[in-house]
Amino acid sequence: MKNFVLEPRMRATIGGAFYPSGYSMVMFPSAEDANRIGHQLLQKGVSGDEIYLIPPQTVLEEITPTVKESDDPLPSAGTDAATVRAYTKLAREGHTALLVRTKNEEEANRLMEVVRAVPYSIAQRYRTLVIEDL
């Protein structure tokens, strides 16, 4: 698993909000569960380069500020800003995230088969122009 650093390609073209197209973001109340699920994904063949473990503080420092920028001068027309606000609320409550590369529906389904073994608080898949609940 990689440490998360917000890259320009993980932001929406318009507005600049967090929008990592081709990835799924899952947040867990327990950091231990997030770490365990990340390692289970590795054991199932997902590349360590395609999994980011994101502690709450990193969500607040790296992802949360993208909404302030995206809402200037007008609020976001899509759900990207609202989704980031949901991540922010959960991060403030101590939830830890996994950001996992999911290029297609099959990969997203495999991810959720592993995730559903533990309690999770939110799961979103970012596709071109669509944020999908998982």
Foldseek 3Di string as FASTA:
>chain_A
DDADDDDQCQADPQLGAGFNAQKKKWKALDLVLQVVLLVVVVVVPADPVFKHKAWLVNLVVHHLVSQVSSCVPHHDPDCRSVVSVVSNVSSVSGIIMMIGRHNDPVSVVVSVVSSVVHDTDFMWHHHVVDIDGD
